[in-house]
Amino acid sequence: MPDVLLISDERMLEHRPGAAHPERPERLEAILADLDARPIAGTRRESASPAAREAIERVHRLGHVQAMEAIRGRGAFLDQDTVASEGSIPAAYLAAGAAIRAAEHTLDGGGPAFALGRPPGHHAERRHAMGFCLFNNVAIAAAQALERSDVERVLIVDWDVHHGNGTQHIFEDRDDVLFFSAHQGDFYPGTGLVEERGRGRGEGFTVNAPLRSGAGDDELRAAFLGRLIPAAQSFGPDLVLVSAGFDAHVDDPLAGLRATSQGFATLTRMVRDLAVEECDGRLALVLEGGYDTIALAKSVRACIEELVC
């Protein structure tokens, strides 16, 4: 079995929204330090390369890309939650590039991959940054994959505690991307209702599973078994991408779900088995949220260990 590819880059640490901001460099530092201290057999590491602007523009409007380029090398407040520093735009291109590379690696038969990048992406809309996110990394990777002749359908699974509004909106009128999200309901960003099922040609290709505050591993697993697996089996993806956020962890300070690191490992096993069943194991994970650094590093490790099994 090929080694699991882990893609990251210390240049992403130059995205510095501020010492008090939850999306701080220490998140990625904790993951990389843990992997350095205790390497996982069956993995290999690779540095990220920036995404091409053409790949970004498959997902984001030209005006948004131009606005991000205009603040390259300087700081800016993009909304009440989203802050750019001098190194943020290069970091965002690297994070998108890591997601693309993860998808291409698994599509080329290299086995599973995990893009360990920041800033995260799933809140970024076509026209603007949002919710700590500058570019929508997983959407960019999906759109790039769909340019290939061997990819007709992509499944995106989002288990971040926050609904992936940007990813949903980018693909909600398309039938070549199935978007599934299990998230805390009645919570930021206010989207992700069960009734949101896509529109036009894409109706039925959005599947939301909002969870009550306090839900944990059992409820997440039930959502995957009851909602994700049947939808995915009917859809028949050629590639499975995961928006792998870890802020549903019981120790995370920003939300109210009670997942555990072992629970995330279980979800990884489920999507891995689904990918094996549906698309020869073509699976790539893309890092999203997770703001308790100890829980984050432990959860990422648990997922990687599941991928190498």
C-alpha atoms as a PDB file:
ATOM      1  CA  MET A   1       0.000   0.000   0.000  1.00  0.00           C
ATOM      2  CA  PRO A   2       1.417   3.455  -0.911  1.00  0.00           C
ATOM      3  CA  ASP A   3       2.398   5.826   1.853  1.00  0.00           C
ATOM      4  CA  VAL A   4      -0.145   8.467   2.908  1.00  0.00           C
ATOM      5  CA  LEU A   5       1.020  11.835   1.582  1.00  0.00           C
ATOM      6  CA  LEU A   6       1.028  14.737   4.053  1.00  0.00           C
ATOM      7  CA  ILE A   7       1.318  18.149   2.392  1.00  0.00           C
ATOM      8  CA  SER A   8       2.157  21.294   4.326  1.00  0.00           C
ATOM      9  CA  ASP A   9       4.537  24.247   4.367  1.00  0.00           C
ATOM     10  CA  GLU A  10       5.967  26.408   7.122  1.00  0.00           C
ATOM     11  CA  ARG A  11       5.375  29.482   4.943  1.00  0.00           C
ATOM     12  CA  MET A  12       1.710  29.110   5.881  1.00  0.00           C
ATOM     13  CA  LEU A  13       2.719  30.176   9.402  1.00  0.00           C
ATOM     14  CA  GLU A  14       3.213  33.688   7.999  1.00  0.00           C
ATOM     15  CA  HIS A  15      -0.563  34.139   7.946  1.00  0.00           C
ATOM     16  CA  ARG A  16      -0.861  36.001  11.245  1.00  0.00           C
ATOM     17  CA  PRO A  17      -4.326  37.421  11.963  1.00  0.00           C
ATOM     18  CA  GLY A  18      -3.255  38.519  15.475  1.00  0.00           C
ATOM     19  CA  ALA A  19      -2.217  37.003  18.785  1.00  0.00           C
ATOM     20  CA  ALA A  20      -5.797  36.857  20.075  1.00  0.00           C
ATOM     21  CA  HIS A  21      -7.265  35.445  16.858  1.00  0.00           C
ATOM     22  CA  PRO A  22      -8.349  31.778  17.033  1.00  0.00           C
ATOM     23  CA  GLU A  23      -6.906  30.972  13.593  1.00  0.00           C
ATOM     24  CA  ARG A  24      -3.320  31.471  14.712  1.00  0.00           C
ATOM     25  CA  PRO A  25      -0.062  29.932  13.470  1.00  0.00           C
ATOM     26  CA  GLU A  26       0.181  27.777  16.595  1.00  0.00           C
ATOM     27  CA  ARG A  27      -2.552  25.552  15.136  1.00  0.00           C
ATOM     28  CA  LEU A  28      -0.360  24.311  12.313  1.00  0.00           C
ATOM     29  CA  GLU A  29       2.772  24.453  14.463  1.00  0.00           C
ATOM     30  CA  ALA A  30       1.155  22.020  16.928  1.00  0.00           C
ATOM     31  CA  ILE A  31       0.290  19.541  14.165  1.00  0.00           C
ATOM     32  CA  LEU A  32       3.735  19.651  12.566  1.00  0.00           C
ATOM     33  CA  ALA A  33       5.548  19.472  15.925  1.00  0.00           C
ATOM     34  CA  ASP A  34       3.545  16.395  16.885  1.00  0.00           C
ATOM     35  CA  LEU A  35       4.317  14.701  13.565  1.00  0.00           C
ATOM     36  CA  ASP A  36       7.997  15.597  13.898  1.00  0.00           C
ATOM     37  CA  ALA A  37       8.199  14.269  17.452  1.00  0.00           C
ATOM     38  CA  ARG A  38       6.417  11.011  16.653  1.00  0.00           C
ATOM     39  CA  PRO A  39       6.524  10.244  12.922  1.00  0.00           C
ATOM     40  CA  ILE A  40       3.767   7.959  11.695  1.00  0.00           C
ATOM     41  CA  ALA A  41       4.984   4.904   9.805  1.00  0.00           C
ATOM     42  CA  GLY A  42       3.421   4.692   6.364  1.00  0.00           C
ATOM     43  CA  THR A  43       3.424   8.434   5.694  1.00  0.00           C
ATOM     44  CA  ARG A  44       5.659  10.788   3.778  1.00  0.00           C
ATOM     45  CA  ARG A  45       5.845  14.563   3.812  1.00  0.00           C
ATOM     46  CA  GLU A  46       5.882  17.039   0.954  1.00  0.00           C
ATOM     47  CA  SER A  47       6.050  20.830   0.795  1.00  0.00           C
ATOM     48  CA  ALA A  48       3.164  22.679  -0.800  1.00  0.00           C
ATOM     49  CA  SER A  49       3.349  24.705  -3.998  1.00  0.00           C
ATOM     50  CA  PRO A  50       1.097  27.723  -4.586  1.00  0.00           C
ATOM     51  CA  ALA A  51      -2.080  27.176  -6.560  1.00  0.00           C
ATOM     52  CA  ALA A  52      -2.132  28.707 -10.018  1.00  0.00           C
ATOM     53  CA  ARG A  53      -4.319  31.761 -10.283  1.00  0.00           C
ATOM     54  CA  GLU A  54      -6.313  29.987 -13.003  1.00  0.00           C
ATOM     55  CA  ALA A  55      -7.272  27.308 -10.456  1.00  0.00           C
ATOM     56  CA  ILE A  56      -8.424  29.945  -7.955  1.00  0.00           C
ATOM     57  CA  GLU A  57     -10.524  31.651 -10.623  1.00  0.00           C
ATOM     58  CA  ARG A  58     -12.394  28.445 -11.441  1.00  0.00           C
ATOM     59  CA  VAL A  59     -14.112  28.931  -8.071  1.00  0.00           C
ATOM     60  CA  HIS A  60     -13.816  32.612  -7.156  1.00  0.00           C
ATOM     61  CA  ARG A  61     -14.917  35.667  -9.099  1.00  0.00           C
ATOM     62  CA  LEU A  62     -12.195  37.739 -10.652  1.00  0.00           C
ATOM     63  CA  GLY A  63     -13.050  40.680  -8.404  1.00  0.00           C
ATOM     64  CA  HIS A  64     -12.392  38.624  -5.269  1.00  0.00           C
ATOM     65  CA  VAL A  65      -9.055  37.347  -6.549  1.00  0.00           C
ATOM     66  CA  GLN A  66      -8.046  40.885  -7.517  1.00  0.00           C
ATOM     67  CA  ALA A  67      -9.054  42.151  -4.077  1.00  0.00           C
ATOM     68  CA  MET A  68      -6.872  39.534  -2.413  1.00  0.00           C
ATOM     69  CA  GLU A  69      -3.945  40.395  -4.688  1.00  0.00           C
ATOM     70  CA  ALA A  70      -4.383  44.070  -3.817  1.00  0.00           C
ATOM     71  CA  ILE A  71      -3.633  43.369  -0.146  1.00  0.00           C
ATOM     72  CA  ARG A  72      -0.653  41.087  -0.793  1.00  0.00           C
ATOM     73  CA  GLY A  73       2.163  42.099   1.529  1.00  0.00           C
ATOM     74  CA  ARG A  74       0.058  44.196   3.885  1.00  0.00           C
ATOM     75  CA  GLY A  75      -2.597  43.741   6.551  1.00  0.00           C
ATOM     76  CA  ALA A  76      -6.343  44.208   6.122  1.00  0.00           C
ATOM     77  CA  PHE A  77      -9.606  43.552   7.956  1.00  0.00           C
ATOM     78  CA  LEU A  78     -11.818  41.640   5.520  1.00  0.00           C
ATOM     79  CA  ASP A  79     -14.796  41.163   7.839  1.00  0.00           C
ATOM     80  CA  GLN A  80     -15.367  41.060  11.586  1.00  0.00           C
ATOM     81  CA  ASP A  81     -13.749  37.600  11.802  1.00  0.00           C
ATOM     82  CA  THR A  82     -11.323  37.566   8.897  1.00  0.00           C
ATOM     83  CA  VAL A  83      -7.987  39.349   9.053  1.00  0.00           C
ATOM     84  CA  ALA A  84      -5.085  39.337   6.604  1.00  0.00           C
ATOM     85  CA  SER A  85      -1.460  40.043   7.495  1.00  0.00           C
ATOM     86  CA  GLU A  86       1.601  40.626   5.316  1.00  0.00           C
ATOM     87  CA  GLY A  87       2.056  36.915   4.652  1.00  0.00           C
ATOM     88  CA  SER A  88      -1.601  35.911   4.323  1.00  0.00           C
ATOM     89  CA  ILE A  89      -2.043  35.933   0.557  1.00  0.00           C
ATOM     90  CA  PRO A  90       1.003  33.739  -0.176  1.00  0.00           C
ATOM     91  CA  ALA A  91      -0.195  31.407   2.596  1.00  0.00           C
ATOM     92  CA  ALA A  92      -3.675  31.245   1.051  1.00  0.00           C
ATOM     93  CA  TYR A  93      -2.246  30.304  -2.351  1.00  0.00           C
ATOM     94  CA  LEU A  94      -0.159  27.596  -0.647  1.00  0.00           C
ATOM     95  CA  ALA A  95      -3.182  26.229   1.233  1.00  0.00           C
ATOM     96  CA  ALA A  96      -5.159  25.997  -2.014  1.00  0.00           C
ATOM     97  CA  GLY A  97      -2.163  24.428  -3.728  1.00  0.00           C
ATOM     98  CA  ALA A  98      -1.852  21.827  -0.976  1.00  0.00           C
ATOM     99  CA  ALA A  99      -5.500  20.855  -1.459  1.00  0.00           C
ATOM    100  CA  ILE A 100      -5.037  20.543  -5.231  1.00  0.00           C
ATOM    101  CA  ARG A 101      -1.922  18.439  -4.779  1.00  0.00           C
ATOM    102  CA  ALA A 102      -3.708  16.128  -2.318  1.00  0.00           C
ATOM    103  CA  ALA A 103      -6.513  15.532  -4.809  1.00  0.00           C
ATOM    104  CA  GLU A 104      -4.164  14.995  -7.739  1.00  0.00           C
ATOM    105  CA  HIS A 105      -2.003  12.604  -5.738  1.00  0.00           C
ATOM    106  CA  THR A 106      -4.867  10.296  -4.872  1.00  0.00           C
ATOM    107  CA  LEU A 107      -6.365  10.529  -8.366  1.00  0.00           C
ATOM    108  CA  ASP A 108      -3.039   9.440  -9.829  1.00  0.00           C
ATOM    109  CA  GLY A 109      -3.131   6.268  -7.734  1.00  0.00           C
ATOM    110  CA  GLY A 110      -0.824   7.448  -4.963  1.00  0.00           C
ATOM    111  CA  GLY A 111      -3.167   6.555  -2.109  1.00  0.00           C
ATOM    112  CA  PRO A 112      -4.815   8.868   0.438  1.00  0.00           C
ATOM    113  CA  ALA A 113      -3.467  12.346   1.128  1.00  0.00           C
ATOM    114  CA  PHE A 114      -3.974  15.036   3.766  1.00  0.00           C
ATOM    115  CA  ALA A 115      -3.450  18.727   2.990  1.00  0.00           C
ATOM    116  CA  LEU A 116      -2.359  20.325   6.268  1.00  0.00           C
ATOM    117  CA  GLY A 117      -2.867  23.932   5.305  1.00  0.00           C
ATOM    118  CA  ARG A 118      -4.027  27.272   6.585  1.00  0.00           C
ATOM    119  CA  PRO A 119      -5.853  29.582   6.315  1.00  0.00           C
ATOM    120  CA  PRO A 120      -8.889  27.286   6.137  1.00  0.00           C
ATOM    121  CA  GLY A 121     -11.343  27.613   3.284  1.00  0.00           C
ATOM    122  CA  HIS A 122     -14.893  26.313   3.513  1.00  0.00           C
ATOM    123  CA  HIS A 123     -16.557  29.613   4.468  1.00  0.00           C
ATOM    124  CA  ALA A 124     -15.026  31.554   1.563  1.00  0.00           C
ATOM    125  CA  GLU A 125     -17.706  32.478  -0.957  1.00  0.00           C
ATOM    126  CA  ARG A 126     -17.317  33.044  -4.667  1.00  0.00           C
ATOM    127  CA  ARG A 127     -17.143  36.804  -4.218  1.00  0.00           C
ATOM    128  CA  HIS A 128     -15.614  37.362  -0.794  1.00  0.00           C
ATOM    129  CA  ALA A 129     -13.580  36.059   2.125  1.00  0.00           C
ATOM    130  CA  MET A 130     -15.473  34.996   5.233  1.00  0.00           C
ATOM    131  CA  GLY A 131     -15.093  33.237   8.570  1.00  0.00           C
ATOM    132  CA  PHE A 132     -11.260  33.076   8.751  1.00  0.00           C
ATOM    133  CA  CYS A 133     -11.199  31.854   5.109  1.00  0.00           C
ATOM    134  CA  LEU A 134      -9.653  33.651   2.114  1.00  0.00           C
ATOM    135  CA  PHE A 135      -9.941  31.069  -0.680  1.00  0.00           C
ATOM    136  CA  ASN A 136     -12.132  27.960  -0.640  1.00  0.00           C
ATOM    137  CA  ASN A 137      -9.428  25.300  -0.722  1.00  0.00           C
ATOM    138  CA  VAL A 138     -11.588  22.190  -0.984  1.00  0.00           C
ATOM    139  CA  ALA A 139     -13.801  23.754  -3.676  1.00  0.00           C
ATOM    140  CA  ILE A 140     -10.726  24.751  -5.673  1.00  0.00           C
ATOM    141  CA  ALA A 141      -9.400  21.188  -5.454  1.00  0.00           C
ATOM    142  CA  ALA A 142     -12.775  19.766  -6.534  1.00  0.00           C
ATOM    143  CA  ALA A 143     -13.077  22.147  -9.488  1.00  0.00           C
ATOM    144  CA  GLN A 144      -9.532  21.346 -10.610  1.00  0.00           C
ATOM    145  CA  ALA A 145     -10.219  17.609 -10.368  1.00  0.00           C
ATOM    146  CA  LEU A 146     -13.328  17.963 -12.526  1.00  0.00           C
ATOM    147  CA  GLU A 147     -11.146  19.282 -15.344  1.00  0.00           C
ATOM    148  CA  ARG A 148      -9.698  15.777 -15.685  1.00  0.00           C
ATOM    149  CA  SER A 149     -11.153  13.295 -18.156  1.00  0.00           C
ATOM    150  CA  ASP A 150     -11.264  10.574 -15.489  1.00  0.00           C
ATOM    151  CA  VAL A 151     -13.339  12.599 -12.997  1.00  0.00           C
ATOM    152  CA  GLU A 152     -17.044  13.217 -13.563  1.00  0.00           C
ATOM    153  CA  ARG A 153     -18.344  13.371  -9.986  1.00  0.00           C
ATOM    154  CA  VAL A 154     -16.778  14.594  -6.730  1.00  0.00           C
ATOM    155  CA  LEU A 155     -18.095  14.012  -3.219  1.00  0.00           C
ATOM    156  CA  ILE A 156     -17.212  16.641  -0.612  1.00  0.00           C
ATOM    157  CA  VAL A 157     -17.720  15.605   3.022  1.00  0.00           C
ATOM    158  CA  ASP A 158     -17.546  18.419   5.592  1.00  0.00           C
ATOM    159  CA  TRP A 159     -17.342  17.491   9.288  1.00  0.00           C
ATOM    160  CA  ASP A 160     -16.203  20.886  10.592  1.00  0.00           C
ATOM    161  CA  VAL A 161     -18.440  22.098  13.420  1.00  0.00           C
ATOM    162  CA  HIS A 162     -19.468  25.075  11.268  1.00  0.00           C
ATOM    163  CA  HIS A 163     -21.488  24.588   8.120  1.00  0.00           C
ATOM    164  CA  GLY A 164     -19.437  24.965   4.933  1.00  0.00           C
ATOM    165  CA  ASN A 165     -21.577  27.715   3.466  1.00  0.00           C
ATOM    166  CA  GLY A 166     -19.065  28.726   0.809  1.00  0.00           C
ATOM    167  CA  THR A 167     -18.615  25.201  -0.514  1.00  0.00           C
ATOM    168  CA  GLN A 168     -22.370  24.634  -0.593  1.00  0.00           C
ATOM    169  CA  HIS A 169     -23.083  27.873  -2.430  1.00  0.00           C
ATOM    170  CA  ILE A 170     -20.294  27.349  -4.980  1.00  0.00           C
ATOM    171  CA  PHE A 171     -21.701  23.981  -6.070  1.00  0.00           C
ATOM    172  CA  GLU A 172     -25.398  24.179  -5.160  1.00  0.00           C
ATOM    173  CA  ASP A 173     -26.603  24.422  -8.763  1.00  0.00           C
ATOM    174  CA  ARG A 174     -24.432  21.563 -10.048  1.00  0.00           C
ATOM    175  CA  ASP A 175     -25.042  17.820 -10.217  1.00  0.00           C
ATOM    176  CA  ASP A 176     -21.378  16.799 -10.543  1.00  0.00           C
ATOM    177  CA  VAL A 177     -20.566  17.634  -6.905  1.00  0.00           C
ATOM    178  CA  LEU A 178     -22.388  16.090  -3.958  1.00  0.00           C
ATOM    179  CA  PHE A 179     -21.879  18.197  -0.840  1.00  0.00           C
ATOM    180  CA  PHE A 180     -22.544  16.658   2.581  1.00  0.00           C
ATOM    181  CA  SER A 181     -22.155  18.565   5.847  1.00  0.00           C
ATOM    182  CA  ALA A 182     -22.596  17.390   9.439  1.00  0.00           C
ATOM    183  CA  HIS A 183     -22.346  20.449  11.689  1.00  0.00           C
ATOM    184  CA  GLN A 184     -23.743  22.158  14.770  1.00  0.00           C
ATOM    185  CA  GLY A 185     -27.155  23.568  13.941  1.00  0.00           C
ATOM    186  CA  ASP A 186     -28.360  27.034  14.959  1.00  0.00           C
ATOM    187  CA  PHE A 187     -24.789  28.247  14.870  1.00  0.00           C
ATOM    188  CA  TYR A 188     -22.406  30.274  12.726  1.00  0.00           C
ATOM    189  CA  PRO A 189     -22.755  30.943   9.807  1.00  0.00           C
ATOM    190  CA  GLY A 190     -26.520  30.363  10.009  1.00  0.00           C
ATOM    191  CA  THR A 191     -26.777  28.122   6.960  1.00  0.00           C
ATOM    192  CA  GLY A 192     -26.957  24.350   6.621  1.00  0.00           C
ATOM    193  CA  LEU A 193     -30.614  23.581   7.205  1.00  0.00           C
ATOM    194  CA  VAL A 194     -31.961  20.196   6.154  1.00  0.00           C
ATOM    195  CA  GLU A 195     -34.213  22.028   3.696  1.00  0.00           C
ATOM    196  CA  GLU A 196     -31.184  23.360   1.795  1.00  0.00           C
ATOM    197  CA  ARG A 197     -30.898  20.694  -0.892  1.00  0.00           C
ATOM    198  CA  GLY A 198     -29.406  22.579  -3.833  1.00  0.00           C
ATOM    199  CA  ARG A 199     -31.216  24.292  -6.664  1.00  0.00           C
ATOM    200  CA  GLY A 200     -31.947  23.777 -10.334  1.00  0.00           C
ATOM    201  CA  ARG A 201     -29.857  20.984 -11.778  1.00  0.00           C
ATOM    202  CA  GLY A 202     -28.183  20.646  -8.381  1.00  0.00           C
ATOM    203  CA  GLU A 203     -31.341  19.977  -6.394  1.00  0.00           C
ATOM    204  CA  GLY A 204     -30.777  16.924  -4.210  1.00  0.00           C
ATOM    205  CA  PHE A 205     -26.987  17.171  -4.430  1.00  0.00           C
ATOM    206  CA  THR A 206     -26.681  19.102  -1.161  1.00  0.00           C
ATOM    207  CA  VAL A 207     -27.232  17.043   1.993  1.00  0.00           C
ATOM    208  CA  ASN A 208     -27.129  18.771   5.384  1.00  0.00           C
ATOM    209  CA  ALA A 209     -27.198  17.048   8.773  1.00  0.00           C
ATOM    210  CA  PRO A 210     -27.394  19.757  11.462  1.00  0.00           C
ATOM    211  CA  LEU A 211     -26.774  18.453  14.989  1.00  0.00           C
ATOM    212  CA  ARG A 212     -27.958  19.756  18.330  1.00  0.00           C
ATOM    213  CA  SER A 213     -25.512  21.353  20.725  1.00  0.00           C
ATOM    214  CA  GLY A 214     -23.963  18.649  22.900  1.00  0.00           C
ATOM    215  CA  ALA A 215     -24.028  15.981  20.216  1.00  0.00           C
ATOM    216  CA  GLY A 216     -20.922  13.845  19.957  1.00  0.00           C
ATOM    217  CA  ASP A 217     -19.392  10.799  18.320  1.00  0.00           C
ATOM    218  CA  ASP A 218     -22.568   8.713  18.243  1.00  0.00           C
ATOM    219  CA  GLU A 219     -24.637  11.427  16.557  1.00  0.00           C
ATOM    220  CA  LEU A 220     -21.934  12.155  13.979  1.00  0.00           C
ATOM    221  CA  ARG A 221     -21.604   8.479  13.146  1.00  0.00           C
ATOM    222  CA  ALA A 222     -25.390   8.170  12.838  1.00  0.00           C
ATOM    223  CA  ALA A 223     -25.494  11.137  10.455  1.00  0.00           C
ATOM    224  CA  PHE A 224     -22.850   9.518   8.287  1.00  0.00           C
ATOM    225  CA  LEU A 225     -24.605   6.155   8.297  1.00  0.00           C
ATOM    226  CA  GLY A 226     -28.092   7.528   7.764  1.00  0.00           C
ATOM    227  CA  ARG A 227     -27.498  10.465   5.420  1.00  0.00           C
ATOM    228  CA  LEU A 228     -24.028  10.402   3.863  1.00  0.00           C
ATOM    229  CA  ILE A 229     -23.516   6.746   2.956  1.00  0.00           C
ATOM    230  CA  PRO A 230     -26.822   6.222   1.083  1.00  0.00           C
ATOM    231  CA  ALA A 231     -26.455   9.520  -0.795  1.00  0.00           C
ATOM    232  CA  ALA A 232     -22.847   8.778  -1.734  1.00  0.00           C
ATOM    233  CA  GLN A 233     -23.617   5.260  -2.907  1.00  0.00           C
ATOM    234  CA  SER A 234     -26.381   6.595  -5.141  1.00  0.00           C
ATOM    235  CA  PHE A 235     -24.106   9.376  -6.451  1.00  0.00           C
ATOM    236  CA  GLY A 236     -21.102   7.187  -7.302  1.00  0.00           C
ATOM    237  CA  PRO A 237     -18.180   9.602  -6.853  1.00  0.00           C
ATOM    238  CA  ASP A 238     -14.873   9.387  -8.695  1.00  0.00           C
ATOM    239  CA  LEU A 239     -13.132  11.249  -5.857  1.00  0.00           C
ATOM    240  CA  VAL A 240     -13.883  11.873  -2.179  1.00  0.00           C
ATOM    241  CA  LEU A 241     -12.656  15.093  -0.566  1.00  0.00           C
ATOM    242  CA  VAL A 242     -13.077  15.886   3.123  1.00  0.00           C
ATOM    243  CA  SER A 243     -13.235  19.322   4.724  1.00  0.00           C
ATOM    244  CA  ALA A 244     -11.630  18.030   7.889  1.00  0.00           C
ATOM    245  CA  GLY A 245     -12.295  20.515  10.662  1.00  0.00           C
ATOM    246  CA  PHE A 246     -11.712  19.504  14.278  1.00  0.00           C
ATOM    247  CA  ASP A 247     -13.627  22.231  16.127  1.00  0.00           C
ATOM    248  CA  ALA A 248     -16.417  19.756  16.899  1.00  0.00           C
ATOM    249  CA  HIS A 249     -14.016  18.333  19.506  1.00  0.00           C
ATOM    250  CA  VAL A 250     -15.256  18.401  23.082  1.00  0.00           C
ATOM    251  CA  ASP A 251     -12.257  20.533  24.129  1.00  0.00           C
ATOM    252  CA  ASP A 252     -12.633  23.138  21.383  1.00  0.00           C
ATOM    253  CA  PRO A 253     -13.404  26.632  22.712  1.00  0.00           C
ATOM    254  CA  LEU A 254     -15.503  27.917  19.787  1.00  0.00           C
ATOM    255  CA  ALA A 255     -18.419  25.502  19.614  1.00  0.00           C
ATOM    256  CA  GLY A 256     -20.686  23.107  21.445  1.00  0.00           C
ATOM    257  CA  LEU A 257     -20.313  19.607  20.021  1.00  0.00           C
ATOM    258  CA  ARG A 258     -18.594  16.841  21.974  1.00  0.00           C
ATOM    259  CA  ALA A 259     -16.690  14.755  19.454  1.00  0.00           C
ATOM    260  CA  THR A 260     -13.455  13.010  20.424  1.00  0.00           C
ATOM    261  CA  SER A 261     -10.236  12.323  18.561  1.00  0.00           C
ATOM    262  CA  GLN A 262     -11.251   8.667  18.312  1.00  0.00           C
ATOM    263  CA  GLY A 263     -14.589   9.794  16.919  1.00  0.00           C
ATOM    264  CA  PHE A 264     -12.800  11.636  14.115  1.00  0.00           C
ATOM    265  CA  ALA A 265     -10.804   8.473  13.464  1.00  0.00           C
ATOM    266  CA  THR A 266     -14.104   6.608  13.082  1.00  0.00           C
ATOM    267  CA  LEU A 267     -15.358   9.163  10.548  1.00  0.00           C
ATOM    268  CA  THR A 268     -12.086   8.824   8.651  1.00  0.00           C
ATOM    269  CA  ARG A 269     -12.510   5.061   8.557  1.00  0.00           C
ATOM    270  CA  MET A 270     -16.034   5.486   7.220  1.00  0.00           C
ATOM    271  CA  VAL A 271     -15.034   7.826   4.393  1.00  0.00           C
ATOM    272  CA  ARG A 272     -11.975   5.674   3.621  1.00  0.00           C
ATOM    273  CA  ASP A 273     -14.174   2.580   3.301  1.00  0.00           C
ATOM    274  CA  LEU A 274     -16.637   4.566   1.185  1.00  0.00           C
ATOM    275  CA  ALA A 275     -13.845   5.724  -1.106  1.00  0.00           C
ATOM    276  CA  VAL A 276     -12.546   2.159  -1.456  1.00  0.00           C
ATOM    277  CA  GLU A 277     -16.040   0.954  -2.321  1.00  0.00           C
ATOM    278  CA  GLU A 278     -16.910   3.729  -4.761  1.00  0.00           C
ATOM    279  CA  CYS A 279     -13.702   5.048  -6.346  1.00  0.00           C
ATOM    280  CA  ASP A 280     -10.725   2.759  -5.739  1.00  0.00           C
ATOM    281  CA  GLY A 281      -9.785   4.545  -2.516  1.00  0.00           C
ATOM    282  CA  ARG A 282      -9.312   8.003  -4.048  1.00  0.00           C
ATOM    283  CA  LEU A 283      -9.554  10.084  -0.894  1.00  0.00           C
ATOM    284  CA  ALA A 284      -8.007  13.382   0.196  1.00  0.00           C
ATOM    285  CA  LEU A 285      -8.510  15.331   3.423  1.00  0.00           C
ATOM    286  CA  VAL A 286      -8.157  19.113   3.632  1.00  0.00           C
ATOM    287  CA  LEU A 287      -7.654  20.795   7.002  1.00  0.00           C
ATOM    288  CA  GLU A 288     -10.309  23.274   8.122  1.00  0.00           C
ATOM    289  CA  GLY A 289     -10.939  24.443  11.724  1.00  0.00           C
ATOM    290  CA  GLY A 290      -9.892  23.261  15.164  1.00  0.00           C
ATOM    291  CA  TYR A 291      -8.795  25.775  17.784  1.00  0.00           C
ATOM    292  CA  ASP A 292      -7.605  23.802  20.795  1.00  0.00           C
ATOM    293  CA  THR A 293      -4.087  22.982  19.675  1.00  0.00           C
ATOM    294  CA  ILE A 294      -3.722  19.828  21.768  1.00  0.00           C
ATOM    295  CA  ALA A 295      -7.053  18.401  20.600  1.00  0.00           C
ATOM    296  CA  LEU A 296      -6.277  19.441  17.033  1.00  0.00           C
ATOM    297  CA  ALA A 297      -2.892  17.709  16.869  1.00  0.00           C
ATOM    298  CA  LYS A 298      -4.265  14.598  18.561  1.00  0.00           C
ATOM    299  CA  SER A 299      -7.253  14.432  16.189  1.00  0.00           C
ATOM    300  CA  VAL A 300      -5.157  14.933  13.062  1.00  0.00           C
ATOM    301  CA  ARG A 301      -2.860  12.136  14.237  1.00  0.00           C
ATOM    302  CA  ALA A 302      -5.831   9.836  14.859  1.00  0.00           C
ATOM    303  CA  CYS A 303      -7.133  10.434  11.333  1.00  0.00           C
ATOM    304  CA  ILE A 304      -3.735   9.889   9.709  1.00  0.00           C
ATOM    305  CA  GLU A 305      -3.248   6.656  11.656  1.00  0.00           C
ATOM    306  CA  GLU A 306      -6.594   5.487  10.303  1.00  0.00           C
ATOM    307  CA  LEU A 307      -5.549   6.314   6.731  1.00  0.00           C
ATOM    308  CA  VAL A 308      -2.405   4.178   6.982  1.00  0.00           C
ATOM    309  CA  CYS A 309      -4.252   1.106   8.270  1.00  0.00           C
END
